[in-house]
PDB file of N, CA and C in Angstrom:
ATOM      1  N   MET A   1     217.242 129.400  99.169  1.00  0.00           N
ATOM      2  CA  MET A   1     216.380 130.545  99.215  1.00  0.00           C
ATOM      3  C   MET A   1     215.287 130.357 100.245  1.00  0.00           C
ATOM      4  N   ARG A   2     214.830 129.134 100.402  1.00  0.00           N
ATOM      5  CA  ARG A   2     213.752 128.905 101.359  1.00  0.00           C
ATOM      6  C   ARG A   2     214.143 129.422 102.736  1.00  0.00           C
ATOM      7  N   ASP A   3     215.379 129.176 103.158  1.00  0.00           N
ATOM      8  CA  ASP A   3     215.829 129.645 104.464  1.00  0.00           C
ATOM      9  C   ASP A   3     215.863 131.166 104.531  1.00  0.00           C
ATOM     10  N   ALA A   4     216.239 131.804 103.449  1.00  0.00           N
ATOM     11  CA  ALA A   4     216.277 133.274 103.429  1.00  0.00           C
ATOM     12  C   ALA A   4     214.877 133.851 103.602  1.00  0.00           C
ATOM     13  N   PHE A   5     213.901 133.273 102.920  1.00  0.00           N
ATOM     14  CA  PHE A   5     212.538 133.769 103.068  1.00  0.00           C
ATOM     15  C   PHE A   5     211.990 133.454 104.451  1.00  0.00           C
ATOM     16  N   ARG A   6     212.369 132.327 105.017  1.00  0.00           N
ATOM     17  CA  ARG A   6     211.919 131.977 106.363  1.00  0.00           C
ATOM     18  C   ARG A   6     212.445 133.008 107.355  1.00  0.00           C
ATOM     19  N   ASP A   7     213.718 133.411 107.216  1.00  0.00           N
ATOM     20  CA  ASP A   7     214.296 134.414 108.107  1.00  0.00           C
ATOM     21  C   ASP A   7     213.546 135.733 108.025  1.00  0.00           C
ATOM     22  N   ARG A   8     213.013 136.062 106.877  1.00  0.00           N
ATOM     23  CA  ARG A   8     212.267 137.311 106.699  1.00  0.00           C
ATOM     24  C   ARG A   8     210.821 137.169 107.169  1.00  0.00           C
ATOM     25  N   GLY A   9     210.433 135.992 107.602  1.00  0.00           N
ATOM     26  CA  GLY A   9     209.073 135.791 108.075  1.00  0.00           C
ATOM     27  C   GLY A   9     208.072 135.603 106.954  1.00  0.00           C
ATOM     28  N   GLU A  10     208.545 135.385 105.746  1.00  0.00           N
ATOM     29  CA  GLU A  10     207.653 135.247 104.604  1.00  0.00           C
ATOM     30  C   GLU A  10     207.342 133.790 104.278  1.00  0.00           C
ATOM     31  N   LEU A  11     208.009 132.887 104.957  1.00  0.00           N
ATOM     32  CA  LEU A  11     207.845 131.477 104.635  1.00  0.00           C
ATOM     33  C   LEU A  11     207.979 130.687 105.918  1.00  0.00           C
ATOM     34  N   ARG A  12     207.082 129.768 106.113  1.00  0.00           N
ATOM     35  CA  ARG A  12     207.181 128.905 107.292  1.00  0.00           C
ATOM     36  C   ARG A  12     207.316 127.479 106.819  1.00  0.00           C
ATOM     37  N   ALA A  13     208.395 126.846 107.224  1.00  0.00           N
ATOM     38  CA  ALA A  13     208.674 125.481 106.773  1.00  0.00           C
ATOM     39  C   ALA A  13     207.670 124.488 107.318  1.00  0.00           C
ATOM     40  N   ASP A  14     207.040 124.818 108.444  1.00  0.00           N
ATOM     41  CA  ASP A  14     206.124 123.866 109.051  1.00  0.00           C
ATOM     42  C   ASP A  14     204.733 123.914 108.434  1.00  0.00           C
ATOM     43  N   ARG A  15     204.507 124.821 107.497  1.00  0.00           N
ATOM     44  CA  ARG A  15     203.202 124.904 106.830  1.00  0.00           C
ATOM     45  C   ARG A  15     203.260 124.209 105.484  1.00  0.00           C
ATOM     46  N   PRO A  16     202.164 123.567 105.089  1.00  0.00           N
ATOM     47  CA  PRO A  16     202.125 122.997 103.744  1.00  0.00           C
ATOM     48  C   PRO A  16     202.302 124.109 102.716  1.00  0.00           C
ATOM     49  N   GLY A  17     203.000 123.806 101.659  1.00  0.00           N
ATOM     50  CA  GLY A  17     203.193 124.795 100.607  1.00  0.00           C
ATOM     51  C   GLY A  17     204.431 125.643 100.803  1.00  0.00           C
ATOM     52  N   GLY A  18     205.221 125.373 101.824  1.00  0.00           N
ATOM     53  CA  GLY A  18     206.423 126.157 102.062  1.00  0.00           C
ATOM     54  C   GLY A  18     207.372 126.123 100.885  1.00  0.00           C
ATOM     55  N   LEU A  19     207.606 124.957 100.356  1.00  0.00           N
ATOM     56  CA  LEU A  19     208.480 124.835  99.199  1.00  0.00           C
ATOM     57  C   LEU A  19     207.834 125.500  97.988  1.00  0.00           C
ATOM     58  N   ARG A  20     206.538 125.352  97.847  1.00  0.00           N
ATOM     59  CA  ARG A  20     205.837 125.998  96.733  1.00  0.00           C
ATOM     60  C   ARG A  20     205.980 127.511  96.792  1.00  0.00           C
ATOM     61  N   ALA A  21     205.926 128.052  98.004  1.00  0.00           N
ATOM     62  CA  ALA A  21     206.084 129.499  98.164  1.00  0.00           C
ATOM     63  C   ALA A  21     207.486 129.932  97.739  1.00  0.00           C
ATOM     64  N   ALA A  22     208.497 129.150  98.099  1.00  0.00           N
ATOM     65  CA  ALA A  22     209.866 129.474  97.698  1.00  0.00           C
ATOM     66  C   ALA A  22     210.013 129.426  96.184  1.00  0.00           C
ATOM     67  N   ILE A  23     209.392 128.438  95.564  1.00  0.00           N
ATOM     68  CA  ILE A  23     209.427 128.334  94.108  1.00  0.00           C
ATOM     69  C   ILE A  23     208.716 129.526  93.470  1.00  0.00           C
ATOM     70  N   ALA A  24     207.606 129.934  94.039  1.00  0.00           N
ATOM     71  CA  ALA A  24     206.865 131.089  93.506  1.00  0.00           C
ATOM     72  C   ALA A  24     207.703 132.354  93.615  1.00  0.00           C
ATOM     73  N   HIS A  25     208.382 132.566  94.752  1.00  0.00           N
ATOM     74  CA  HIS A  25     209.250 133.731  94.907  1.00  0.00           C
ATOM     75  C   HIS A  25     210.364 133.719  93.861  1.00  0.00           C
ATOM     76  N   THR A  26     210.937 132.558  93.635  1.00  0.00           N
ATOM     77  CA  THR A  26     212.014 132.424  92.658  1.00  0.00           C
ATOM     78  C   THR A  26     211.513 132.717  91.248  1.00  0.00           C
ATOM     79  N   THR A  27     210.339 132.218  90.923  1.00  0.00           N
ATOM     80  CA  THR A  27     209.755 132.462  89.603  1.00  0.00           C
ATOM     81  C   THR A  27     209.473 133.940  89.386  1.00  0.00           C
ATOM     82  N   LEU A  28     208.914 134.602  90.396  1.00  0.00           N
ATOM     83  CA  LEU A  28     208.636 136.043  90.276  1.00  0.00           C
ATOM     84  C   LEU A  28     209.921 136.838  90.107  1.00  0.00           C
ATOM     85  N   ALA A  29     210.954 136.472  90.833  1.00  0.00           N
ATOM     86  CA  ALA A  29     212.226 137.175  90.700  1.00  0.00           C
ATOM     87  C   ALA A  29     212.819 136.967  89.308  1.00  0.00           C
ATOM     88  N   ALA A  30     212.721 135.749  88.799  1.00  0.00           N
ATOM     89  CA  ALA A  30     213.236 135.472  87.451  1.00  0.00           C
ATOM     90  C   ALA A  30     212.484 136.294  86.406  1.00  0.00           C
ATOM     91  N   GLU A  31     211.182 136.395  86.541  1.00  0.00           N
ATOM     92  CA  GLU A  31     210.398 137.204  85.606  1.00  0.00           C
ATOM     93  C   GLU A  31     210.758 138.684  85.725  1.00  0.00           C
ATOM     94  N   ALA A  32     211.014 139.140  86.954  1.00  0.00           N
ATOM     95  CA  ALA A  32     211.400 140.538  87.158  1.00  0.00           C
ATOM     96  C   ALA A  32     212.739 140.827  86.481  1.00  0.00           C
ATOM     97  N   ILE A  33     213.676 139.894  86.577  1.00  0.00           N
ATOM     98  CA  ILE A  33     214.975 140.075  85.920  1.00  0.00           C
ATOM     99  C   ILE A  33     214.792 140.116  84.411  1.00  0.00           C
ATOM    100  N   TRP A  34     213.991 139.216  83.900  1.00  0.00           N
ATOM    101  CA  TRP A  34     213.757 139.137  82.463  1.00  0.00           C
ATOM    102  C   TRP A  34     213.075 140.399  81.933  1.00  0.00           C
ATOM    103  N   LYS A  35     212.140 140.953  82.706  1.00  0.00           N
ATOM    104  CA  LYS A  35     211.358 142.111  82.264  1.00  0.00           C
ATOM    105  C   LYS A  35     211.744 143.381  83.018  1.00  0.00           C
ATOM    106  N   ARG A  36     212.983 143.456  83.504  1.00  0.00           N
ATOM    107  CA  ARG A  36     213.387 144.558  84.375  1.00  0.00           C
ATOM    108  C   ARG A  36     213.260 145.931  83.745  1.00  0.00           C
ATOM    109  N   ASP A  37     213.284 146.006  82.438  1.00  0.00           N
ATOM    110  CA  ASP A  37     213.132 147.310  81.791  1.00  0.00           C
ATOM    111  C   ASP A  37     211.669 147.769  81.762  1.00  0.00           C
ATOM    112  N   ARG A  38     210.760 146.893  82.158  1.00  0.00           N
ATOM    113  CA  ARG A  38     209.325 147.223  82.127  1.00  0.00           C
ATOM    114  C   ARG A  38     208.700 147.425  83.499  1.00  0.00           C
ATOM    115  N   ILE A  39     209.480 147.244  84.559  1.00  0.00           N
ATOM    116  CA  ILE A  39     208.931 147.461  85.906  1.00  0.00           C
ATOM    117  C   ILE A  39     209.735 148.554  86.601  1.00  0.00           C
ATOM    118  N   ASP A  40     209.117 149.205  87.570  1.00  0.00           N
ATOM    119  CA  ASP A  40     209.816 150.304  88.241  1.00  0.00           C
ATOM    120  C   ASP A  40     210.889 149.757  89.191  1.00  0.00           C
ATOM    121  N   ALA A  41     211.824 150.624  89.526  1.00  0.00           N
ATOM    122  CA  ALA A  41     212.984 150.232  90.330  1.00  0.00           C
ATOM    123  C   ALA A  41     212.592 149.684  91.701  1.00  0.00           C
ATOM    124  N   GLU A  42     211.601 150.283  92.323  1.00  0.00           N
ATOM    125  CA  GLU A  42     211.186 149.830  93.660  1.00  0.00           C
ATOM    126  C   GLU A  42     210.639 148.402  93.616  1.00  0.00           C
ATOM    127  N   ARG A  43     209.830 148.120  92.647  1.00  0.00           N
ATOM    128  CA  ARG A  43     209.263 146.758  92.491  1.00  0.00           C
ATOM    129  C   ARG A  43     210.381 145.756  92.214  1.00  0.00           C
ATOM    130  N   TYR A  44     211.314 146.145  91.364  1.00  0.00           N
ATOM    131  CA  TYR A  44     212.436 145.265  91.040  1.00  0.00           C
ATOM    132  C   TYR A  44     213.234 144.929  92.300  1.00  0.00           C
ATOM    133  N   ARG A  45     213.557 145.957  93.084  1.00  0.00           N
ATOM    134  CA  ARG A  45     214.304 145.726  94.336  1.00  0.00           C
ATOM    135  C   ARG A  45     213.530 144.818  95.276  1.00  0.00           C
ATOM    136  N   ALA A  46     212.226 144.991  95.341  1.00  0.00           N
ATOM    137  CA  ALA A  46     211.415 144.164  96.238  1.00  0.00           C
ATOM    138  C   ALA A  46     211.436 142.694  95.822  1.00  0.00           C
ATOM    139  N   LEU A  47     211.463 142.449  94.530  1.00  0.00           N
ATOM    140  CA  LEU A  47     211.415 141.070  94.046  1.00  0.00           C
ATOM    141  C   LEU A  47     212.769 140.371  94.074  1.00  0.00           C
ATOM    142  N   VAL A  48     213.836 141.107  93.814  1.00  0.00           N
ATOM    143  CA  VAL A  48     215.152 140.458  93.768  1.00  0.00           C
ATOM    144  C   VAL A  48     215.971 140.688  95.030  1.00  0.00           C
ATOM    145  N   GLY A  49     215.546 141.582  95.901  1.00  0.00           N
ATOM    146  CA  GLY A  49     216.282 141.889  97.118  1.00  0.00           C
ATOM    147  C   GLY A  49     216.616 140.685  97.985  1.00  0.00           C
ATOM    148  N   PRO A  50     215.657 139.796  98.224  1.00  0.00           N
ATOM    149  CA  PRO A  50     215.976 138.630  99.067  1.00  0.00           C
ATOM    150  C   PRO A  50     217.097 137.764  98.491  1.00  0.00           C
ATOM    151  N   PHE A  51     217.204 137.727  97.179  1.00  0.00           N
ATOM    152  CA  PHE A  51     218.261 136.934  96.549  1.00  0.00           C
ATOM    153  C   PHE A  51     219.614 137.621  96.745  1.00  0.00           C
ATOM    154  N   ARG A  52     219.635 138.936  96.577  1.00  0.00           N
ATOM    155  CA  ARG A  52     220.873 139.692  96.818  1.00  0.00           C
ATOM    156  C   ARG A  52     221.289 139.583  98.280  1.00  0.00           C
ATOM    157  N   ASP A  53     220.324 139.597  99.174  1.00  0.00           N
ATOM    158  CA  ASP A  53     220.612 139.533 100.604  1.00  0.00           C
ATOM    159  C   ASP A  53     221.377 138.280 101.001  1.00  0.00           C
ATOM    160  N   VAL A  54     221.190 137.201 100.264  1.00  0.00           N
ATOM    161  CA  VAL A  54     221.892 135.945 100.587  1.00  0.00           C
ATOM    162  C   VAL A  54     223.081 135.710  99.665  1.00  0.00           C
ATOM    163  N   GLY A  55     223.438 136.747  98.872  1.00  0.00           N
ATOM    164  CA  GLY A  55     224.654 136.657  98.070  1.00  0.00           C
ATOM    165  C   GLY A  55     224.497 136.127  96.654  1.00  0.00           C
ATOM    166  N   ILE A  56     223.281 135.989  96.189  1.00  0.00           N
ATOM    167  CA  ILE A  56     223.075 135.525  94.827  1.00  0.00           C
ATOM    168  C   ILE A  56     223.190 136.728  93.889  1.00  0.00           C
ATOM    169  N   GLY A  57     224.000 136.576  92.858  1.00  0.00           N
ATOM    170  CA  GLY A  57     224.199 137.660  91.899  1.00  0.00           C
ATOM    171  C   GLY A  57     222.940 137.934  91.100  1.00  0.00           C
ATOM    172  N   VAL A  58     222.540 139.194  91.087  1.00  0.00           N
ATOM    173  CA  VAL A  58     221.356 139.622  90.352  1.00  0.00           C
ATOM    174  C   VAL A  58     221.749 140.833  89.517  1.00  0.00           C
ATOM    175  N   PRO A  59     221.388 140.859  88.237  1.00  0.00           N
ATOM    176  CA  PRO A  59     221.758 142.015  87.416  1.00  0.00           C
ATOM    177  C   PRO A  59     221.060 143.284  87.896  1.00  0.00           C
ATOM    178  N   ASP A  60     221.771 144.405  87.728  1.00  0.00           N
ATOM    179  CA  ASP A  60     221.163 145.691  88.040  1.00  0.00           C
ATOM    180  C   ASP A  60     220.008 145.946  87.093  1.00  0.00           C
ATOM    181  N   ARG A  61     219.082 146.766  87.535  1.00  0.00           N
ATOM    182  CA  ARG A  61     217.912 147.050  86.722  1.00  0.00           C
ATOM    183  C   ARG A  61     218.289 147.821  85.466  1.00  0.00           C
ATOM    184  N   GLU A  62     219.241 148.718  85.584  1.00  0.00           N
ATOM    185  CA  GLU A  62     219.597 149.564  84.436  1.00  0.00           C
ATOM    186  C   GLU A  62     220.934 149.220  83.883  1.00  0.00           C
TER     187      GLU A  62
END
């Protein structure tokens, strides 16, 4: 996932905390999946989209 976020310009491997940022993105996406019935569709897509973009299976919101 770190490479996927780097490609989107959201993560720079040469900065301290790069791995931490990837972990934070993963944690937020996991929480969005868990609570998907409580967040709007646009927010859900924003949080899980990077994972889908690299081929990771993510459940639909509905």
